[in-house]
C-alpha atoms as a PDB file:
ATOM      1  CA  MET A   1      16.234  19.144  21.343  1.00  0.00           C
ATOM      2  CA  LYS A   2      15.690  21.216  18.208  1.00  0.00           C
ATOM      3  CA  ASN A   3      12.407  21.216  16.333  1.00  0.00           C
ATOM      4  CA  LYS A   4      12.602  18.983  13.292  1.00  0.00           C
ATOM      5  CA  MET A   5      10.320  18.517  10.317  1.00  0.00           C
ATOM      6  CA  ILE A   6       8.805  15.017  10.530  1.00  0.00           C
ATOM      7  CA  THR A   7       7.525  13.903   7.143  1.00  0.00           C
ATOM      8  CA  PHE A   8       4.600  11.681   6.303  1.00  0.00           C
ATOM      9  CA  PRO A   9       5.517   9.249   3.511  1.00  0.00           C
ATOM     10  CA  GLU A  10       4.011   9.463   0.062  1.00  0.00           C
ATOM     11  CA  ILE A  11       1.166   6.976  -0.291  1.00  0.00           C
ATOM     12  CA  GLY A  12       1.687   4.649  -3.227  1.00  0.00           C
ATOM     13  CA  GLN A  13      -0.742   3.220  -5.736  1.00  0.00           C
ATOM     14  CA  PHE A  14      -2.028  -0.336  -5.915  1.00  0.00           C
ATOM     15  CA  ARG A  15       0.423  -1.470  -8.590  1.00  0.00           C
ATOM     16  CA  GLN A  16       3.342  -0.154  -6.531  1.00  0.00           C
ATOM     17  CA  ILE A  17       2.153  -2.009  -3.432  1.00  0.00           C
ATOM     18  CA  ILE A  18       1.979  -5.272  -5.383  1.00  0.00           C
ATOM     19  CA  LYS A  19       5.702  -4.881  -6.121  1.00  0.00           C
ATOM     20  CA  THR A  20       6.474  -3.882  -2.521  1.00  0.00           C
ATOM     21  CA  VAL A  21       4.756  -6.936  -1.051  1.00  0.00           C
ATOM     22  CA  THR A  22       6.383  -9.213  -3.638  1.00  0.00           C
ATOM     23  CA  ASP A  23       9.874  -7.849  -2.963  1.00  0.00           C
ATOM     24  CA  ASN A  24       9.440  -7.884   0.832  1.00  0.00           C
ATOM     25  CA  THR A  25       8.200 -11.468   0.822  1.00  0.00           C
ATOM     26  CA  ARG A  26      10.841 -12.863  -1.498  1.00  0.00           C
ATOM     27  CA  TYR A  27      13.848 -10.893  -0.283  1.00  0.00           C
ATOM     28  CA  ALA A  28      16.542 -13.383   0.736  1.00  0.00           C
ATOM     29  CA  GLY A  29      19.527 -11.166   1.525  1.00  0.00           C
ATOM     30  CA  LYS A  30      22.404  -9.905  -0.588  1.00  0.00           C
ATOM     31  CA  ASP A  31      25.052 -11.564  -2.711  1.00  0.00           C
ATOM     32  CA  GLU A  32      28.787 -10.995  -2.537  1.00  0.00           C
ATOM     33  CA  ASN A  33      28.398  -7.824  -4.634  1.00  0.00           C
ATOM     34  CA  GLY A  34      25.796  -6.371  -2.298  1.00  0.00           C
ATOM     35  CA  ASP A  35      22.931  -6.885  -4.758  1.00  0.00           C
ATOM     36  CA  ALA A  36      19.566  -8.062  -3.458  1.00  0.00           C
ATOM     37  CA  ILE A  37      18.669 -11.742  -3.809  1.00  0.00           C
ATOM     38  CA  TYR A  38      15.036 -12.833  -4.169  1.00  0.00           C
ATOM     39  CA  ASP A  39      13.560 -16.279  -3.643  1.00  0.00           C
ATOM     40  CA  ALA A  40      10.853 -16.530  -6.293  1.00  0.00           C
ATOM     41  CA  SER A  41       9.633 -19.855  -4.886  1.00  0.00           C
ATOM     42  CA  LYS A  42       8.098 -18.197  -1.802  1.00  0.00           C
ATOM     43  CA  ARG A  43       4.330 -17.956  -1.930  1.00  0.00           C
ATOM     44  CA  LEU A  44       2.983 -14.425  -1.669  1.00  0.00           C
ATOM     45  CA  PRO A  45       0.670 -13.696   1.283  1.00  0.00           C
ATOM     46  CA  THR A  46      -2.967 -12.772   1.613  1.00  0.00           C
ATOM     47  CA  LEU A  47      -3.121  -9.519   3.591  1.00  0.00           C
ATOM     48  CA  THR A  48      -6.100  -7.837   5.221  1.00  0.00           C
ATOM     49  CA  PHE A  49      -6.301  -4.087   4.536  1.00  0.00           C
ATOM     50  CA  THR A  50      -8.394  -1.511   6.385  1.00  0.00           C
ATOM     51  CA  GLY A  51      -9.688   1.328   4.233  1.00  0.00           C
ATOM     52  CA  THR A  52     -10.517   4.811   5.479  1.00  0.00           C
ATOM     53  CA  VAL A  53     -11.975   7.790   3.633  1.00  0.00           C
ATOM     54  CA  LYS A  54      -9.349   9.972   1.958  1.00  0.00           C
ATOM     55  CA  LEU A  55     -10.230  13.566   2.771  1.00  0.00           C
ATOM     56  CA  HIS A  56      -9.600  16.379   0.330  1.00  0.00           C
ATOM     57  CA  GLY A  57      -7.838  18.910   2.540  1.00  0.00           C
ATOM     58  CA  THR A  58      -4.192  19.553   3.403  1.00  0.00           C
ATOM     59  CA  ASN A  59      -1.794  17.284   5.264  1.00  0.00           C
ATOM     60  CA  ALA A  60      -0.949  18.548   8.747  1.00  0.00           C
ATOM     61  CA  GLY A  61       0.776  17.326  11.879  1.00  0.00           C
ATOM     62  CA  VAL A  62       1.522  18.143  15.506  1.00  0.00           C
ATOM     63  CA  THR A  63       4.896  17.031  16.852  1.00  0.00           C
ATOM     64  CA  LEU A  64       6.012  16.613  20.453  1.00  0.00           C
ATOM     65  CA  THR A  65       9.727  16.372  21.218  1.00  0.00           C
ATOM     66  CA  LYS A  66      11.273  14.278  23.942  1.00  0.00           C
ATOM     67  CA  ASP A  67      11.943  17.541  25.808  1.00  0.00           C
ATOM     68  CA  GLY A  68       8.250  18.432  25.796  1.00  0.00           C
ATOM     69  CA  ASP A  69       8.219  21.076  23.056  1.00  0.00           C
ATOM     70  CA  MET A  70       5.188  20.954  20.764  1.00  0.00           C
ATOM     71  CA  TYR A  71       4.884  22.510  17.318  1.00  0.00           C
ATOM     72  CA  PRO A  72       2.624  22.305  14.209  1.00  0.00           C
ATOM     73  CA  GLN A  73       3.667  21.494  10.672  1.00  0.00           C
ATOM     74  CA  SER A  74       2.285  21.359   7.150  1.00  0.00           C
ATOM     75  CA  ARG A  75       3.227  18.611   4.712  1.00  0.00           C
ATOM     76  CA  GLU A  76       6.640  20.129   4.029  1.00  0.00           C
ATOM     77  CA  ASN A  77       7.379  22.761   6.691  1.00  0.00           C
ATOM     78  CA  ILE A  78       7.283  23.586  10.365  1.00  0.00           C
ATOM     79  CA  ILE A  79       4.731  26.384  10.657  1.00  0.00           C
ATOM     80  CA  SER A  80       3.736  29.000  13.224  1.00  0.00           C
ATOM     81  CA  VAL A  81       0.947  31.473  13.874  1.00  0.00           C
ATOM     82  CA  GLY A  82       3.019  34.085  12.058  1.00  0.00           C
ATOM     83  CA  ASN A  83       3.811  31.740   9.170  1.00  0.00           C
ATOM     84  CA  ASP A  84       0.661  29.656   8.980  1.00  0.00           C
ATOM     85  CA  ASN A  85      -0.905  27.212   6.540  1.00  0.00           C
ATOM     86  CA  MET A  86      -4.673  27.678   6.201  1.00  0.00           C
ATOM     87  CA  GLY A  87      -4.934  28.537   9.895  1.00  0.00           C
ATOM     88  CA  PHE A  88      -3.672  25.208  11.235  1.00  0.00           C
ATOM     89  CA  ALA A  89      -0.891  26.647  13.420  1.00  0.00           C
ATOM     90  CA  PHE A  90      -3.411  28.986  15.035  1.00  0.00           C
ATOM     91  CA  PHE A  91      -5.749  26.024  15.598  1.00  0.00           C
ATOM     92  CA  VAL A  92      -2.990  24.046  17.352  1.00  0.00           C
ATOM     93  CA  GLU A  93      -2.019  27.022  19.497  1.00  0.00           C
ATOM     94  CA  SER A  94      -5.670  27.490  20.468  1.00  0.00           C
ATOM     95  CA  HIS A  95      -5.998  23.814  21.431  1.00  0.00           C
ATOM     96  CA  LYS A  96      -2.520  23.050  22.789  1.00  0.00           C
ATOM     97  CA  ASP A  97      -3.870  21.672  26.075  1.00  0.00           C
ATOM     98  CA  VAL A  98      -6.093  19.240  24.160  1.00  0.00           C
ATOM     99  CA  PHE A  99      -3.166  18.024  22.071  1.00  0.00           C
ATOM    100  CA  LYS A 100      -0.904  17.659  25.123  1.00  0.00           C
ATOM    101  CA  ARG A 101      -3.503  15.450  26.801  1.00  0.00           C
ATOM    102  CA  MET A 102      -3.645  13.337  23.636  1.00  0.00           C
ATOM    103  CA  PHE A 103       0.104  12.838  23.641  1.00  0.00           C
ATOM    104  CA  GLU A 104      -0.069  11.739  27.281  1.00  0.00           C
ATOM    105  CA  THR A 105      -2.372   8.852  26.295  1.00  0.00           C
ATOM    106  CA  LEU A 106       0.158   7.390  23.850  1.00  0.00           C
ATOM    107  CA  ASP A 107       2.952   4.918  24.480  1.00  0.00           C
ATOM    108  CA  ILE A 108       5.787   6.969  23.042  1.00  0.00           C
ATOM    109  CA  ARG A 109       8.400   4.257  23.773  1.00  0.00           C
ATOM    110  CA  ASP A 110      11.104   6.778  24.523  1.00  0.00           C
ATOM    111  CA  ALA A 111      10.825   8.294  21.041  1.00  0.00           C
ATOM    112  CA  ASP A 112      12.695  11.509  20.311  1.00  0.00           C
ATOM    113  CA  TYR A 113       9.730  12.846  18.346  1.00  0.00           C
ATOM    114  CA  ILE A 114       6.106  11.742  18.161  1.00  0.00           C
ATOM    115  CA  THR A 115       3.859  13.204  15.477  1.00  0.00           C
ATOM    116  CA  ILE A 116       0.087  13.069  15.218  1.00  0.00           C
ATOM    117  CA  PHE A 117      -0.788  13.306  11.520  1.00  0.00           C
ATOM    118  CA  GLY A 118      -4.157  14.212  10.095  1.00  0.00           C
ATOM    119  CA  GLU A 119      -6.030  16.063   7.392  1.00  0.00           C
ATOM    120  CA  TRP A 120      -6.807  19.737   8.008  1.00  0.00           C
ATOM    121  CA  ALA A 121     -10.037  19.997   6.066  1.00  0.00           C
ATOM    122  CA  GLY A 122     -13.315  21.863   5.680  1.00  0.00           C
ATOM    123  CA  GLY A 123     -13.884  25.580   5.314  1.00  0.00           C
ATOM    124  CA  ASN A 124     -12.274  26.984   2.189  1.00  0.00           C
ATOM    125  CA  ILE A 125      -9.250  24.654   2.284  1.00  0.00           C
ATOM    126  CA  GLN A 126     -10.479  22.798  -0.811  1.00  0.00           C
ATOM    127  CA  LYS A 127     -13.424  23.194  -3.155  1.00  0.00           C
ATOM    128  CA  GLY A 128     -15.939  20.910  -4.787  1.00  0.00           C
ATOM    129  CA  VAL A 129     -16.205  18.190  -2.121  1.00  0.00           C
ATOM    130  CA  ALA A 130     -18.777  17.306   0.535  1.00  0.00           C
ATOM    131  CA  ILE A 131     -16.638  18.632   3.394  1.00  0.00           C
ATOM    132  CA  SER A 132     -16.129  22.028   1.752  1.00  0.00           C
ATOM    133  CA  GLY A 133     -17.838  24.738   3.735  1.00  0.00           C
ATOM    134  CA  LEU A 134     -18.014  22.711   6.936  1.00  0.00           C
ATOM    135  CA  PRO A 135     -16.185  24.139   9.946  1.00  0.00           C
ATOM    136  CA  LYS A 136     -12.459  23.533   9.670  1.00  0.00           C
ATOM    137  CA  MET A 137     -11.548  20.278  11.389  1.00  0.00           C
ATOM    138  CA  PHE A 138      -8.509  18.132  12.075  1.00  0.00           C
ATOM    139  CA  VAL A 139      -9.089  14.456  11.245  1.00  0.00           C
ATOM    140  CA  ILE A 140      -6.353  12.215  12.675  1.00  0.00           C
ATOM    141  CA  PHE A 141      -5.186   9.278  10.572  1.00  0.00           C
ATOM    142  CA  ALA A 142      -1.717   8.253  11.852  1.00  0.00           C
ATOM    143  CA  VAL A 143       0.866   8.588  14.624  1.00  0.00           C
ATOM    144  CA  LYS A 144       4.575   8.294  13.889  1.00  0.00           C
ATOM    145  CA  LEU A 145       7.412   7.678  16.346  1.00  0.00           C
ATOM    146  CA  SER A 146      10.830   8.971  15.288  1.00  0.00           C
ATOM    147  CA  TYR A 147      14.210   8.236  16.851  1.00  0.00           C
ATOM    148  CA  GLU A 148      17.564   9.966  16.564  1.00  0.00           C
ATOM    149  CA  SER A 149      20.097   8.546  18.992  1.00  0.00           C
ATOM    150  CA  ASN A 150      23.644   7.305  18.616  1.00  0.00           C
ATOM    151  CA  GLU A 151      23.446   8.239  14.927  1.00  0.00           C
ATOM    152  CA  VAL A 152      20.884   5.483  14.392  1.00  0.00           C
ATOM    153  CA  LYS A 153      17.674   6.757  12.810  1.00  0.00           C
ATOM    154  CA  GLU A 154      14.476   4.732  12.967  1.00  0.00           C
ATOM    155  CA  ASN A 155      10.794   5.432  12.747  1.00  0.00           C
ATOM    156  CA  TYR A 156       7.562   3.507  12.731  1.00  0.00           C
ATOM    157  CA  PHE A 157       3.828   4.037  12.987  1.00  0.00           C
ATOM    158  CA  LEU A 158       1.524   3.045  15.808  1.00  0.00           C
ATOM    159  CA  THR A 159      -1.303   0.671  14.922  1.00  0.00           C
ATOM    160  CA  ASN A 160      -4.972   1.582  14.557  1.00  0.00           C
ATOM    161  CA  ASP A 161      -5.717  -0.012  17.935  1.00  0.00           C
ATOM    162  CA  GLU A 162      -3.131   2.255  19.570  1.00  0.00           C
ATOM    163  CA  THR A 163      -4.473   5.450  18.012  1.00  0.00           C
ATOM    164  CA  LYS A 164      -8.233   5.007  17.502  1.00  0.00           C
ATOM    165  CA  HIS A 165      -8.998   6.803  20.800  1.00  0.00           C
ATOM    166  CA  LEU A 166      -7.391  10.066  19.648  1.00  0.00           C
ATOM    167  CA  LYS A 167     -10.181  12.604  19.181  1.00  0.00           C
ATOM    168  CA  ASN A 168     -11.898  15.554  20.791  1.00  0.00           C
ATOM    169  CA  PRO A 169     -15.092  16.351  18.849  1.00  0.00           C
ATOM    170  CA  GLU A 170     -15.793  19.398  21.037  1.00  0.00           C
ATOM    171  CA  SER A 171     -12.595  20.902  19.623  1.00  0.00           C
ATOM    172  CA  LEU A 172     -13.328  19.701  16.057  1.00  0.00           C
ATOM    173  CA  ILE A 173     -10.635  17.035  16.327  1.00  0.00           C
ATOM    174  CA  PHE A 174     -11.833  13.716  14.919  1.00  0.00           C
ATOM    175  CA  ASN A 175     -10.409  10.288  14.164  1.00  0.00           C
ATOM    176  CA  VAL A 176     -10.763   8.936  10.633  1.00  0.00           C
ATOM    177  CA  LEU A 177     -11.615   5.519  12.103  1.00  0.00           C
ATOM    178  CA  ASP A 178     -14.823   6.959  13.567  1.00  0.00           C
ATOM    179  CA  PHE A 179     -16.239   7.373  10.079  1.00  0.00           C
ATOM    180  CA  GLU A 180     -17.211   4.614   7.676  1.00  0.00           C
ATOM    181  CA  ASN A 181     -14.316   2.272   6.976  1.00  0.00           C
ATOM    182  CA  TYR A 182     -13.799  -0.867   4.976  1.00  0.00           C
ATOM    183  CA  THR A 183     -11.950  -4.201   4.986  1.00  0.00           C
ATOM    184  CA  ILE A 184     -10.615  -6.230   2.088  1.00  0.00           C
ATOM    185  CA  ASP A 185      -8.425  -9.335   1.833  1.00  0.00           C
ATOM    186  CA  ILE A 186      -5.929  -9.194  -1.037  1.00  0.00           C
ATOM    187  CA  ASP A 187      -4.296 -12.403  -2.241  1.00  0.00           C
ATOM    188  CA  PHE A 188      -1.010 -11.197  -3.691  1.00  0.00           C
ATOM    189  CA  GLU A 189      -0.685 -14.379  -5.715  1.00  0.00           C
ATOM    190  CA  ASN A 190      -3.692 -13.022  -7.662  1.00  0.00           C
ATOM    191  CA  PRO A 191      -3.936  -9.339  -6.656  1.00  0.00           C
ATOM    192  CA  LEU A 192      -5.939  -8.232  -9.689  1.00  0.00           C
ATOM    193  CA  LEU A 193      -8.914 -10.210  -8.401  1.00  0.00           C
ATOM    194  CA  ALA A 194      -9.300  -7.524  -5.709  1.00  0.00           C
ATOM    195  CA  GLN A 195      -9.268  -4.656  -8.178  1.00  0.00           C
ATOM    196  CA  ASN A 196     -12.968  -4.590  -9.028  1.00  0.00           C
ATOM    197  CA  LYS A 197     -13.914  -4.442  -5.342  1.00  0.00           C
ATOM    198  CA  LEU A 198     -11.469  -1.569  -4.832  1.00  0.00           C
ATOM    199  CA  ILE A 199     -13.087   0.294  -7.719  1.00  0.00           C
ATOM    200  CA  GLU A 200     -16.603  -0.368  -6.421  1.00  0.00           C
ATOM    201  CA  LEU A 201     -15.829   1.003  -2.965  1.00  0.00           C
ATOM    202  CA  THR A 202     -13.958   4.015  -4.362  1.00  0.00           C
ATOM    203  CA  LEU A 203     -16.840   5.003  -6.623  1.00  0.00           C
ATOM    204  CA  ALA A 204     -19.249   4.751  -3.690  1.00  0.00           C
ATOM    205  CA  VAL A 205     -17.086   7.198  -1.705  1.00  0.00           C
ATOM    206  CA  GLU A 206     -16.746   9.499  -4.702  1.00  0.00           C
ATOM    207  CA  ASN A 207     -20.514   9.540  -5.208  1.00  0.00           C
ATOM    208  CA  GLN A 208     -21.210  10.270  -1.533  1.00  0.00           C
ATOM    209  CA  CYS A 209     -18.447  11.178   0.910  1.00  0.00           C
ATOM    210  CA  PRO A 210     -19.162   9.311   4.188  1.00  0.00           C
ATOM    211  CA  VAL A 211     -17.494  12.057   6.237  1.00  0.00           C
ATOM    212  CA  GLY A 212     -19.550  14.785   4.594  1.00  0.00           C
ATOM    213  CA  LYS A 213     -22.668  12.676   5.086  1.00  0.00           C
ATOM    214  CA  ALA A 214     -21.874  12.283   8.806  1.00  0.00           C
ATOM    215  CA  PHE A 215     -22.082  16.074   9.098  1.00  0.00           C
ATOM    216  CA  GLY A 216     -25.196  16.374   6.959  1.00  0.00           C
ATOM    217  CA  ASN A 217     -23.496  17.421   3.730  1.00  0.00           C
ATOM    218  CA  VAL A 218     -24.216  15.536   0.525  1.00  0.00           C
ATOM    219  CA  GLY A 219     -21.451  15.566  -2.066  1.00  0.00           C
ATOM    220  CA  THR A 220     -18.310  14.163  -3.606  1.00  0.00           C
ATOM    221  CA  GLY A 221     -15.593  12.265  -1.784  1.00  0.00           C
ATOM    222  CA  GLU A 222     -11.984  11.835  -2.884  1.00  0.00           C
ATOM    223  CA  GLY A 223     -11.259   8.139  -2.448  1.00  0.00           C
ATOM    224  CA  ILE A 224      -9.942   5.568   0.023  1.00  0.00           C
ATOM    225  CA  VAL A 225      -6.584   4.988   1.720  1.00  0.00           C
ATOM    226  CA  TRP A 226      -5.848   1.312   2.425  1.00  0.00           C
ATOM    227  CA  LYS A 227      -3.503   0.221   5.205  1.00  0.00           C
ATOM    228  CA  THR A 228      -2.100  -2.984   6.704  1.00  0.00           C
ATOM    229  CA  GLU A 229       0.586  -3.831   9.247  1.00  0.00           C
ATOM    230  CA  THR A 230       3.363  -6.297   8.369  1.00  0.00           C
ATOM    231  CA  GLU A 231       6.625  -7.421   9.936  1.00  0.00           C
ATOM    232  CA  ARG A 232       8.351  -4.953   7.618  1.00  0.00           C
ATOM    233  CA  GLY A 233       6.171  -2.059   8.779  1.00  0.00           C
ATOM    234  CA  THR A 234       3.040  -0.241   7.634  1.00  0.00           C
ATOM    235  CA  ILE A 235       1.940  -0.553   4.014  1.00  0.00           C
ATOM    236  CA  ARG A 236      -0.471   1.959   2.495  1.00  0.00           C
ATOM    237  CA  PHE A 237      -1.939   2.620  -0.909  1.00  0.00           C
ATOM    238  CA  LYS A 238      -4.613   4.984  -2.194  1.00  0.00           C
ATOM    239  CA  VAL A 239      -7.375   4.662  -4.749  1.00  0.00           C
ATOM    240  CA  LYS A 240      -8.980   7.869  -6.051  1.00  0.00           C
ATOM    241  CA  GLY A 241     -12.082   8.376  -8.117  1.00  0.00           C
ATOM    242  CA  GLU A 242     -11.931   9.930 -11.585  1.00  0.00           C
ATOM    243  CA  LYS A 243     -12.869  13.383 -10.318  1.00  0.00           C
ATOM    244  CA  HIS A 244      -9.726  13.496  -8.187  1.00  0.00           C
ATOM    245  CA  SER A 245      -7.311  11.577 -10.383  1.00  0.00           C
ATOM    246  CA  SER A 246      -4.280  13.217 -11.953  1.00  0.00           C
ATOM    247  CA  SER A 247      -1.303  12.261 -14.067  1.00  0.00           C
ATOM    248  CA  LYS A 248       0.363  11.045 -10.884  1.00  0.00           C
ATOM    249  CA  VAL A 249      -2.606   9.036  -9.602  1.00  0.00           C
ATOM    250  CA  LYS A 250      -4.200   6.848 -12.237  1.00  0.00           C
ATOM    251  CA  THR A 251      -7.625   5.418 -11.627  1.00  0.00           C
ATOM    252  CA  LEU A 252      -7.878   1.634 -11.484  1.00  0.00           C
ATOM    253  CA  ALA A 253      -9.268  -0.109 -14.534  1.00  0.00           C
ATOM    254  CA  PRO A 254     -11.935  -2.797 -14.139  1.00  0.00           C
ATOM    255  CA  VAL A 255     -10.652  -6.357 -14.347  1.00  0.00           C
ATOM    256  CA  ASN A 256     -12.304  -9.205 -16.234  1.00  0.00           C
ATOM    257  CA  THR A 257     -12.277 -11.707 -13.384  1.00  0.00           C
ATOM    258  CA  GLU A 258     -13.423 -14.543 -15.657  1.00  0.00           C
ATOM    259  CA  LYS A 259     -10.399 -13.920 -17.858  1.00  0.00           C
ATOM    260  CA  VAL A 260      -8.019 -13.778 -14.862  1.00  0.00           C
ATOM    261  CA  ASN A 261      -9.367 -17.101 -13.615  1.00  0.00           C
ATOM    262  CA  SER A 262      -9.198 -18.533 -17.120  1.00  0.00           C
ATOM    263  CA  ILE A 263      -5.508 -17.573 -17.365  1.00  0.00           C
ATOM    264  CA  LYS A 264      -4.785 -19.253 -14.029  1.00  0.00           C
ATOM    265  CA  GLU A 265      -6.653 -22.409 -15.015  1.00  0.00           C
ATOM    266  CA  PHE A 266      -4.927 -22.546 -18.408  1.00  0.00           C
ATOM    267  CA  ALA A 267      -1.450 -22.238 -16.866  1.00  0.00           C
ATOM    268  CA  GLU A 268      -2.186 -24.950 -14.299  1.00  0.00           C
ATOM    269  CA  TYR A 269      -3.510 -27.195 -17.087  1.00  0.00           C
ATOM    270  CA  ALA A 270      -0.611 -26.606 -19.490  1.00  0.00           C
ATOM    271  CA  VAL A 271       2.421 -26.556 -17.176  1.00  0.00           C
ATOM    272  CA  THR A 272       2.514 -30.260 -16.369  1.00  0.00           C
ATOM    273  CA  GLU A 273       5.166 -32.223 -14.507  1.00  0.00           C
ATOM    274  CA  SER A 274       6.147 -34.040 -17.695  1.00  0.00           C
ATOM    275  CA  ARG A 275       6.548 -30.775 -19.615  1.00  0.00           C
ATOM    276  CA  LEU A 276       8.714 -29.333 -16.814  1.00  0.00           C
ATOM    277  CA  GLU A 277      10.916 -32.422 -16.772  1.00  0.00           C
ATOM    278  CA  GLN A 278      11.183 -32.214 -20.542  1.00  0.00           C
ATOM    279  CA  GLY A 279      12.315 -28.626 -20.186  1.00  0.00           C
ATOM    280  CA  ILE A 280      15.141 -29.750 -17.905  1.00  0.00           C
ATOM    281  CA  GLU A 281      16.223 -32.312 -20.486  1.00  0.00           C
ATOM    282  CA  LYS A 282      16.170 -29.734 -23.280  1.00  0.00           C
ATOM    283  CA  VAL A 283      18.111 -27.055 -21.409  1.00  0.00           C
ATOM    284  CA  PHE A 284      20.588 -29.327 -19.638  1.00  0.00           C
ATOM    285  CA  THR A 285      21.418 -31.555 -22.567  1.00  0.00           C
ATOM    286  CA  SER A 286      24.345 -33.433 -21.083  1.00  0.00           C
ATOM    287  CA  VAL A 287      23.406 -36.509 -19.040  1.00  0.00           C
ATOM    288  CA  ASN A 288      25.814 -35.471 -16.321  1.00  0.00           C
ATOM    289  CA  GLU A 289      25.118 -31.726 -16.483  1.00  0.00           C
ATOM    290  CA  GLN A 290      23.943 -30.396 -13.148  1.00  0.00           C
ATOM    291  CA  ILE A 291      21.006 -28.008 -12.937  1.00  0.00           C
ATOM    292  CA  ASP A 292      22.392 -24.477 -12.866  1.00  0.00           C
ATOM    293  CA  ILE A 293      20.358 -21.570 -11.503  1.00  0.00           C
ATOM    294  CA  ARG A 294      22.030 -19.316 -14.051  1.00  0.00           C
ATOM    295  CA  LYS A 295      20.098 -21.082 -16.812  1.00  0.00           C
ATOM    296  CA  ILE A 296      16.663 -20.489 -15.300  1.00  0.00           C
ATOM    297  CA  GLY A 297      15.963 -17.908 -17.997  1.00  0.00           C
ATOM    298  CA  ASP A 298      16.634 -20.477 -20.738  1.00  0.00           C
ATOM    299  CA  PHE A 299      14.395 -22.971 -18.942  1.00  0.00           C
ATOM    300  CA  LEU A 300      11.485 -20.532 -18.622  1.00  0.00           C
ATOM    301  CA  LYS A 301      11.847 -19.473 -22.247  1.00  0.00           C
ATOM    302  CA  TRP A 302      11.622 -23.090 -23.398  1.00  0.00           C
ATOM    303  CA  ILE A 303       8.583 -23.863 -21.225  1.00  0.00           C
ATOM    304  CA  VAL A 304       6.664 -20.795 -22.393  1.00  0.00           C
ATOM    305  CA  GLY A 305       7.562 -21.458 -26.026  1.00  0.00           C
ATOM    306  CA  ASP A 306       6.553 -25.113 -25.820  1.00  0.00           C
ATOM    307  CA  VAL A 307       3.211 -24.334 -24.194  1.00  0.00           C
ATOM    308  CA  ILE A 308       2.345 -21.713 -26.813  1.00  0.00           C
ATOM    309  CA  LYS A 309       3.378 -24.025 -29.648  1.00  0.00           C
ATOM    310  CA  GLU A 310       1.403 -27.013 -28.391  1.00  0.00           C
ATOM    311  CA  GLU A 311      -1.650 -25.257 -26.969  1.00  0.00           C
ATOM    312  CA  LEU A 312      -2.545 -22.564 -29.498  1.00  0.00           C
ATOM    313  CA  ASP A 313      -5.926 -24.160 -30.152  1.00  0.00           C
ATOM    314  CA  THR A 314      -6.720 -24.309 -26.420  1.00  0.00           C
ATOM    315  CA  LEU A 315      -5.789 -20.639 -26.068  1.00  0.00           C
ATOM    316  CA  ALA A 316      -8.088 -19.696 -28.927  1.00  0.00           C
ATOM    317  CA  ASP A 317     -10.948 -21.763 -27.508  1.00  0.00           C
ATOM    318  CA  ASN A 318     -10.643 -19.824 -24.222  1.00  0.00           C
ATOM    319  CA  GLY A 319     -10.391 -16.401 -25.857  1.00  0.00           C
ATOM    320  CA  LEU A 320      -6.789 -15.951 -24.730  1.00  0.00           C
ATOM    321  CA  GLU A 321      -3.623 -14.789 -26.461  1.00  0.00           C
ATOM    322  CA  PRO A 322      -0.012 -15.791 -25.739  1.00  0.00           C
ATOM    323  CA  LYS A 323       0.715 -12.427 -24.096  1.00  0.00           C
ATOM    324  CA  ASP A 324      -2.112 -13.078 -21.629  1.00  0.00           C
ATOM    325  CA  VAL A 325      -0.604 -16.267 -20.245  1.00  0.00           C
ATOM    326  CA  ASN A 326       3.180 -15.837 -20.485  1.00  0.00           C
ATOM    327  CA  SER A 327       3.558 -14.508 -16.948  1.00  0.00           C
ATOM    328  CA  ALA A 328       1.311 -17.170 -15.352  1.00  0.00           C
ATOM    329  CA  ILE A 329       3.215 -19.946 -17.131  1.00  0.00           C
ATOM    330  CA  SER A 330       6.567 -18.516 -16.035  1.00  0.00           C
ATOM    331  CA  ASN A 331       5.469 -18.183 -12.405  1.00  0.00           C
ATOM    332  CA  ILE A 332       4.530 -21.857 -12.132  1.00  0.00           C
ATOM    333  CA  ALA A 333       7.651 -23.010 -13.958  1.00  0.00           C
ATOM    334  CA  ARG A 334       9.942 -20.737 -11.920  1.00  0.00           C
ATOM    335  CA  LYS A 335       8.672 -22.068  -8.607  1.00  0.00           C
ATOM    336  CA  TRP A 336       9.038 -25.671  -9.787  1.00  0.00           C
ATOM    337  CA  PHE A 337      12.581 -25.052 -11.050  1.00  0.00           C
ATOM    338  CA  LEU A 338      13.694 -23.358  -7.816  1.00  0.00           C
ATOM    339  CA  ASP A 339      12.191 -26.127  -5.670  1.00  0.00           C
ATOM    340  CA  LYS A 340      14.063 -28.697  -7.748  1.00  0.00           C
ATOM    341  CA  TRP A 341      17.310 -26.698  -7.617  1.00  0.00           C
ATOM    342  CA  ASN A 342      17.095 -26.143  -3.855  1.00  0.00           C
ATOM    343  CA  GLY A 343      16.421 -29.856  -3.351  1.00  0.00           C
ATOM    344  CA  MET A 344      19.696 -30.707  -5.071  1.00  0.00           C
ATOM    345  CA  LYS A 345      21.868 -28.516  -2.855  1.00  0.00           C
END
């Protein structure tokens, strides 16, 4: 079996994960044209995420093929001692027996390739962080199984419980789970309520890197990578501090939780059963006209418009503007409409 580059996926940002969870939860198949169908009436889940320190180094991996060949790689290339990346290929070659014993402890499930991913960090790999200047180390954070058989390609990641034993401190091989880690529950019906906690934890890591501290070095950390397991696979997102943000990774902005709760309370107050029924009467004007899913946009537009028209004074009293509440109003009305429509089928 030939050596193959096994990639580690790009880690998204919080806003992207909100969309991913929403789409995964509400996906209901495809229509006759092959376009995705989403059931907006499905309630979004509350998921528990584990956070681990994001190290400022370079992505690296060690892959074992089904035939027993082992080789190192950088983020984008298979490497070798003669074509190295910051000395990682030489490190793997020097510790190949250690890595082989690690692979033997894993349930590879007849995978064609199994890759141990980690951060190659310390030394002069990066500057300006707490782990700079420490001996170069490999900190494991994931294991990926890859399949290529009968032209069917699949891959998935082992869970934390299946990989947390992977380490050999004597060889400067560590597991990211051995350092300080975090847990947060995110309610994807109101995901912004988790944002301030995410910021708080990220700033704490930026102010003092827990991995650097574990080795006696005081200094800056990069951020946190959050991970959870779902039926659709592993979901990850990253939050970086300002010192490590870039145009591609925006820092999270603090959220006014009182305002978020006020928006939710206003929508629940204003979108009443009688108003929803009135919306049906306004949109489906004929007595015998059946509710048509294709007019849901007209229905939502009427509901939002009616709420804003009738409740301007309430909005002002709560320090809110129409643009603040439009989405919350639509979400409640959409779910009600779809429940009513499905009940008529």
